[in-house]
Amino acid sequence: MNVRRLIPATAAAGAVTLGLVTLSACSTSSAADGKSSDGRLKVVASFYPMQYLAEQIGGDHVTVSTLTRPGVEPHDLELGPRQTAELNEAGYILYLKGVQPAVDKAIAQSEAKNKVDAATLTKLEHHGTEGGHSHEGEEAGHDEHEGEAGADPHIWLDPVKYAEVAKGVGTSLQKADPDHAADYKKNTDALLTKLNGLNSAYQQGLKTAATKTFITTHSAFGYLAERYGLDQEGIAGIDPESEPSPARIKQLQTIAKKDKVTTVFFETLASDKTAKTLAEDTGLKTDVLDPLEGITDKSRGRDYLQVMESNLAALQKALGAK
């Protein structure tokens, strides 16, 4: 039998190769089933922080794929036919509304039975580009990346809020796949223990900080700053690609001198040009503070916990914590 004749032209046009289409057509699991050929629940995560939760809590009972590949800046992700097909075939989708507009739209249209928005599992708050402080000269226009009514979506950078989300994910997985509910609960409890330990490490590690102010390219650390009594001063807004105004740059120079800031932080998935220019103009050091929107070979750690520990070490050094 000629396999090519079994494949509709519309399906072939949306695939990278005929082989991929053939593999999809011959899959032993159906889109309605939401299970892989070995019976595991198909989970699709929107980007790394959601992927990590799904993998940690799902364990051996799930197969996890992510819409945002390593090294891709998640805010600007556009979905292709393959990713849209993944969403329709998923048994469980975990995402965070407000981070990726294209993903939010595609998930709303997906046929998947279980769709979990992490933003509904904890309370989102509003942070200005500087961790809750409003300053003259800020750039506006980030609403498309900030979720409902301008709320800050970066909840995973606060271990306490991330733990709240983890609890909700565990409960929802138990309902989606009740045959393995006991294991999901066990895995959730194990993850909560790790996140509680991380929270304690931040509390202890930052309580002796000589200065509370840190400057960062991407204003992603509002929740972290609020949790541990710090002041985030962002060069850009919540959208990492936004450009600061000249007035904002001048203001940051003043803040750096006044608050005895030592370091300007930049990240791995966005341009470091503005951060390094500001550091040179003000005689400050530079270092990496990772917003953990993706893990690459440039990340200071192999997973969420390791990178968060590296972030803590970087903050301790910059803030003079002993």
Protein backbone atom coordinates (compact mmCIF):
# COMPACT_ATOMS: atom_id res chain seq x y z
CA MET A 1 0.00 0.00 0.00
CA ASN A 2 1.30 3.44 -0.87
CA VAL A 3 1.49 5.33 2.44
CA ARG A 4 1.61 8.69 0.66
CA ARG A 5 -1.97 8.25 -0.55
CA LEU A 6 -3.17 7.88 3.04
CA ILE A 7 -1.97 11.35 4.02
CA PRO A 8 -4.27 14.32 3.26
CA ALA A 9 -2.57 17.14 1.41
CA THR A 10 -3.50 19.63 4.12
CA ALA A 11 -1.76 17.56 6.80
CA ALA A 12 1.34 17.07 4.68
CA ALA A 13 1.58 20.80 4.00
CA GLY A 14 1.72 21.57 7.71
CA ALA A 15 4.45 19.07 8.54
CA VAL A 16 8.19 19.46 8.31
CA THR A 17 8.64 16.19 6.41
CA LEU A 18 6.52 13.37 5.09
CA GLY A 19 8.10 11.11 7.68
CA LEU A 20 6.82 13.25 10.55
CA VAL A 21 3.31 13.24 9.11
CA THR A 22 3.42 9.48 8.65
CA LEU A 23 4.58 9.04 12.27
CA SER A 24 1.75 11.25 13.52
CA ALA A 25 -0.83 9.42 11.39
CA CYS A 26 0.35 6.03 12.63
CA SER A 27 0.41 6.99 16.32
CA THR A 28 -1.25 4.42 18.54
CA SER A 29 -2.87 7.11 20.68
CA SER A 30 -5.69 9.36 19.61
CA ALA A 31 -6.06 13.08 20.19
CA ALA A 32 -9.18 12.42 22.25
CA ASP A 33 -7.36 9.90 24.45
CA GLY A 34 -4.59 12.28 25.52
CA LYS A 35 -2.25 9.36 26.20
CA SER A 36 1.02 8.27 24.60
CA SER A 37 1.47 4.83 23.07
CA ASP A 38 2.74 3.47 26.41
CA GLY A 39 -0.30 4.78 28.29
CA ARG A 40 1.31 7.82 29.90
CA LEU A 41 -0.56 11.11 30.09
CA LYS A 42 0.53 13.55 27.39
CA VAL A 43 1.40 16.86 29.05
CA VAL A 44 2.21 20.02 27.12
CA ALA A 45 3.85 22.88 29.04
CA SER A 46 3.99 26.41 27.72
CA PHE A 47 7.56 27.20 28.82
CA TYR A 48 10.25 26.04 31.23
CA PRO A 49 8.79 26.94 34.67
CA MET A 50 5.64 25.01 33.75
CA GLN A 51 7.65 22.16 32.24
CA TYR A 52 9.63 21.77 35.46
CA LEU A 53 6.47 21.45 37.55
CA ALA A 54 4.96 18.93 35.15
CA GLU A 55 8.10 16.79 35.14
CA GLN A 56 8.63 16.90 38.89
CA ILE A 57 5.02 16.15 39.80
CA GLY A 58 4.10 13.92 36.86
CA GLY A 59 7.16 11.71 37.20
CA ASP A 60 7.00 8.41 35.34
CA HIS A 61 3.30 8.68 34.57
CA VAL A 62 3.56 11.55 32.08
CA THR A 63 5.37 12.53 28.91
CA VAL A 64 6.15 16.23 28.93
CA SER A 65 6.81 18.43 25.91
CA THR A 66 7.29 22.18 25.93
CA LEU A 67 6.12 24.71 23.38
CA THR A 68 9.16 26.94 24.02
CA ARG A 69 12.42 25.33 23.00
CA PRO A 70 15.66 26.03 24.94
CA GLY A 71 17.20 29.36 23.97
CA VAL A 72 13.96 30.87 22.67
CA GLU A 73 12.74 34.05 24.38
CA PRO A 74 9.26 32.92 25.48
CA HIS A 75 7.46 36.27 25.40
CA ASP A 76 7.64 36.49 21.62
CA LEU A 77 6.96 32.84 20.78
CA GLU A 78 4.87 32.13 17.69
CA LEU A 79 3.44 28.64 17.28
CA GLY A 80 3.83 26.44 14.20
CA PRO A 81 1.58 23.62 12.98
CA ARG A 82 3.45 20.97 14.95
CA GLN A 83 2.99 22.82 18.25
CA THR A 84 -0.70 23.43 17.54
CA ALA A 85 -1.11 19.70 16.90
CA GLU A 86 0.62 18.95 20.22
CA LEU A 87 -1.94 21.09 22.03
CA ASN A 88 -4.86 19.30 20.40
CA GLU A 89 -3.44 15.86 21.24
CA ALA A 90 -2.55 16.69 24.84
CA GLY A 91 -4.25 15.08 27.79
CA TYR A 92 -3.18 17.96 30.03
CA ILE A 93 -1.92 21.48 29.26
CA LEU A 94 -0.09 23.59 31.83
CA TYR A 95 0.52 27.26 31.02
CA LEU A 96 0.74 30.70 32.59
CA LYS A 97 -1.62 33.19 31.05
CA GLY A 98 -0.10 36.59 30.37
CA VAL A 99 3.42 35.52 29.46
CA GLN A 100 2.88 34.36 25.88
CA PRO A 101 -0.05 35.91 23.98
CA ALA A 102 0.18 33.51 21.02
CA VAL A 103 0.17 30.53 23.37
CA ASP A 104 -2.81 31.85 25.33
CA LYS A 105 -4.80 32.16 22.10
CA ALA A 106 -3.85 28.69 20.84
CA ILE A 107 -4.68 27.02 24.15
CA ALA A 108 -8.08 28.71 24.23
CA GLN A 109 -8.79 27.08 20.85
CA SER A 110 -7.31 23.69 21.79
CA GLU A 111 -9.48 20.59 22.04
CA ALA A 112 -7.60 19.30 25.10
CA LYS A 113 -9.79 18.27 28.03
CA ASN A 114 -7.56 19.48 30.87
CA LYS A 115 -6.18 23.02 30.62
CA VAL A 116 -4.60 24.51 33.72
CA ASP A 117 -3.64 28.18 33.97
CA ALA A 118 -1.03 28.53 36.72
CA ALA A 119 -2.09 32.14 37.23
CA THR A 120 -5.33 30.84 38.76
CA LEU A 121 -3.45 28.78 41.35
CA THR A 122 -1.96 31.72 43.24
CA LYS A 123 -2.59 35.43 43.59
CA LEU A 124 -1.02 37.65 40.95
CA GLU A 125 0.06 41.13 41.97
CA HIS A 126 0.90 44.39 40.23
CA HIS A 127 4.52 45.45 40.18
CA GLY A 128 5.87 48.52 38.43
CA THR A 129 9.00 48.17 36.33
CA GLU A 130 10.97 48.63 39.55
CA GLY A 131 9.35 46.04 41.77
CA GLY A 132 6.30 48.06 42.70
CA HIS A 133 7.69 51.59 42.64
CA SER A 134 6.51 54.05 40.02
CA HIS A 135 9.03 56.43 38.53
CA GLU A 136 8.73 59.28 36.11
CA GLY A 137 10.16 58.46 32.72
CA GLU A 138 9.11 54.81 32.61
CA GLU A 139 8.26 53.31 29.27
CA ALA A 140 4.66 52.16 28.93
CA GLY A 141 3.04 49.68 26.61
CA HIS A 142 3.82 46.29 28.14
CA ASP A 143 0.22 45.24 28.76
CA GLU A 144 0.26 42.49 26.15
CA HIS A 145 2.89 40.67 28.22
CA GLU A 146 1.61 41.39 31.70
CA GLY A 147 -1.51 39.25 31.94
CA GLU A 148 -4.87 40.28 33.30
CA ALA A 149 -5.10 44.02 33.98
CA GLY A 150 -1.33 44.49 34.00
CA ALA A 151 -0.57 41.85 36.64
CA ASP A 152 3.01 40.61 36.88
CA PRO A 153 3.15 36.95 35.69
CA HIS A 154 6.65 36.09 37.03
CA ILE A 155 5.35 34.08 40.00
CA TRP A 156 7.87 31.24 39.62
CA LEU A 157 10.70 33.48 40.86
CA ASP A 158 9.09 33.53 44.32
CA PRO A 159 9.55 30.03 45.81
CA VAL A 160 6.49 30.52 48.02
CA LYS A 161 4.16 31.39 45.17
CA TYR A 162 5.71 28.69 43.01
CA ALA A 163 4.94 26.21 45.78
CA GLU A 164 1.31 27.36 45.78
CA VAL A 165 1.19 26.70 42.04
CA ALA A 166 2.82 23.29 42.55
CA LYS A 167 0.07 22.32 45.00
CA GLY A 168 -2.58 23.25 42.46
CA VAL A 169 -0.83 21.39 39.67
CA GLY A 170 -0.61 18.29 41.84
CA THR A 171 -4.31 18.42 42.64
CA SER A 172 -5.28 18.94 38.99
CA LEU A 173 -3.09 16.05 37.81
CA GLN A 174 -4.73 13.78 40.37
CA LYS A 175 -8.11 14.66 38.89
CA ALA A 176 -6.93 14.32 35.28
CA ASP A 177 -5.31 10.93 35.88
CA PRO A 178 -6.88 9.44 39.04
CA ASP A 179 -5.26 6.02 38.53
CA HIS A 180 -1.94 7.56 39.59
CA ALA A 181 -3.23 10.09 42.11
CA ALA A 182 -1.18 8.70 45.01
CA ASP A 183 2.08 9.10 43.10
CA TYR A 184 1.20 12.63 42.01
CA LYS A 185 0.55 13.57 45.63
CA LYS A 186 3.83 11.98 46.75
CA ASN A 187 5.76 13.82 44.04
CA THR A 188 4.03 17.10 44.90
CA ASP A 189 4.98 16.75 48.56
CA ALA A 190 8.60 16.05 47.61
CA LEU A 191 8.72 19.16 45.41
CA LEU A 192 7.15 21.31 48.13
CA THR A 193 9.89 20.20 50.52
CA LYS A 194 12.52 21.36 48.02
CA LEU A 195 10.78 24.71 47.44
CA ASN A 196 10.39 25.30 51.17
CA GLY A 197 14.10 24.66 51.56
CA LEU A 198 14.84 27.13 48.77
CA ASN A 199 12.68 29.76 50.47
CA SER A 200 14.57 29.25 53.74
CA ALA A 201 17.90 29.58 51.94
CA TYR A 202 16.82 32.93 50.47
CA GLN A 203 15.53 34.18 53.82
CA GLN A 204 18.76 33.32 55.59
CA GLY A 205 21.04 34.28 52.74
CA LEU A 206 19.69 37.80 52.21
CA LYS A 207 18.83 38.96 55.72
CA THR A 208 22.27 40.54 56.28
CA ALA A 209 22.39 42.40 52.95
CA ALA A 210 24.23 45.73 53.18
CA THR A 211 22.01 47.26 50.50
CA LYS A 212 18.52 46.23 49.44
CA THR A 213 18.58 47.65 45.91
CA PHE A 214 19.47 45.73 42.77
CA ILE A 215 19.31 46.81 39.13
CA THR A 216 18.28 44.32 36.48
CA THR A 217 17.61 44.43 32.75
CA HIS A 218 14.28 42.63 32.86
CA SER A 219 11.80 43.58 35.59
CA ALA A 220 10.98 39.97 36.34
CA PHE A 221 11.95 39.93 40.00
CA GLY A 222 9.14 41.91 41.63
CA TYR A 223 7.77 38.93 43.55
CA LEU A 224 11.23 37.85 44.69
CA ALA A 225 12.07 41.39 45.80
CA GLU A 226 8.82 41.72 47.73
CA ARG A 227 9.24 38.32 49.39
CA TYR A 228 12.73 39.05 50.72
CA GLY A 229 12.52 42.77 51.42
CA LEU A 230 14.53 43.96 48.41
CA ASP A 231 14.02 46.78 45.91
CA GLN A 232 14.13 45.87 42.23
CA GLU A 233 15.08 48.65 39.84
CA GLY A 234 14.42 47.55 36.27
CA ILE A 235 16.09 49.01 33.21
CA ALA A 236 13.35 47.66 30.98
CA GLY A 237 9.79 46.81 31.87
CA ILE A 238 8.23 43.41 32.37
CA ASP A 239 8.72 42.94 28.62
CA PRO A 240 12.47 42.18 28.31
CA GLU A 241 12.70 43.68 24.83
CA SER A 242 11.36 47.14 25.76
CA GLU A 243 13.79 50.07 25.63
CA PRO A 244 14.28 52.43 28.59
CA SER A 245 13.92 56.17 28.13
CA PRO A 246 16.93 58.50 28.56
CA ALA A 247 15.22 59.84 31.68
CA ARG A 248 15.06 56.33 33.13
CA ILE A 249 18.76 55.73 32.48
CA LYS A 250 19.64 59.00 34.21
CA GLN A 251 17.41 58.08 37.11
CA LEU A 252 19.09 54.69 37.50
CA GLN A 253 22.48 56.37 37.66
CA THR A 254 21.19 58.50 40.54
CA ILE A 255 19.67 55.50 42.33
CA ALA A 256 22.87 53.48 41.94
CA LYS A 257 24.89 56.19 43.66
CA LYS A 258 22.34 56.88 46.39
CA ASP A 259 21.68 53.23 47.31
CA LYS A 260 25.28 52.06 46.91
CA VAL A 261 24.43 49.62 44.15
CA THR A 262 27.44 47.55 43.07
CA THR A 263 26.08 45.47 40.19
CA VAL A 264 23.87 45.69 37.12
CA PHE A 265 22.30 42.33 36.33
CA PHE A 266 21.54 41.06 32.85
CA GLU A 267 20.16 37.73 31.61
CA THR A 268 20.95 35.02 29.09
CA LEU A 269 17.91 35.15 26.76
CA ALA A 270 17.79 38.93 26.13
CA SER A 271 20.31 41.53 24.98
CA ASP A 272 22.84 42.66 27.58
CA LYS A 273 23.80 45.82 25.69
CA THR A 274 21.86 48.34 27.78
CA ALA A 275 22.90 46.75 31.08
CA LYS A 276 26.58 46.79 30.16
CA THR A 277 26.38 50.37 28.90
CA LEU A 278 24.76 51.51 32.15
CA ALA A 279 27.38 49.65 34.17
CA GLU A 280 30.22 51.26 32.23
CA ASP A 281 28.73 54.74 32.61
CA THR A 282 28.29 54.33 36.36
CA GLY A 283 31.42 52.31 37.16
CA LEU A 284 29.44 49.25 38.27
CA LYS A 285 30.06 45.53 37.85
CA THR A 286 27.83 43.23 35.80
CA ASP A 287 26.53 39.77 36.59
CA VAL A 288 23.75 37.38 35.58
CA LEU A 289 20.39 37.18 37.34
CA ASP A 290 18.43 34.55 35.47
CA PRO A 291 14.63 34.99 35.16
CA LEU A 292 14.46 31.26 34.45
CA GLU A 293 12.26 31.47 31.41
CA GLY A 294 14.38 28.76 29.78
CA ILE A 295 17.37 26.53 30.47
CA THR A 296 20.29 26.53 28.03
CA ASP A 297 23.95 25.54 28.13
CA LYS A 298 24.63 29.10 29.31
CA SER A 299 22.42 28.70 32.38
CA ARG A 300 24.12 28.53 35.76
CA GLY A 301 22.55 25.21 36.63
CA ARG A 302 20.76 22.28 35.03
CA ASP A 303 17.31 22.92 36.46
CA TYR A 304 15.09 25.37 38.34
CA LEU A 305 16.54 24.72 41.79
CA GLN A 306 20.16 24.97 40.70
CA VAL A 307 19.62 28.23 38.80
CA MET A 308 17.66 29.73 41.71
CA GLU A 309 20.57 28.82 43.99
CA SER A 310 22.94 30.54 41.56
CA ASN A 311 20.68 33.61 41.57
CA LEU A 312 20.83 33.67 45.36
CA ALA A 313 24.63 33.55 45.30
CA ALA A 314 24.73 36.40 42.77
CA LEU A 315 22.37 38.53 44.88
CA GLN A 316 24.35 37.86 48.05
CA LYS A 317 27.54 39.01 46.37
CA ALA A 318 25.97 42.10 44.82
CA LEU A 319 24.10 43.14 47.99
CA GLY A 320 26.96 42.50 50.38
CA ALA A 321 25.17 39.76 52.32
CA LYS A 322 27.35 37.72 54.65
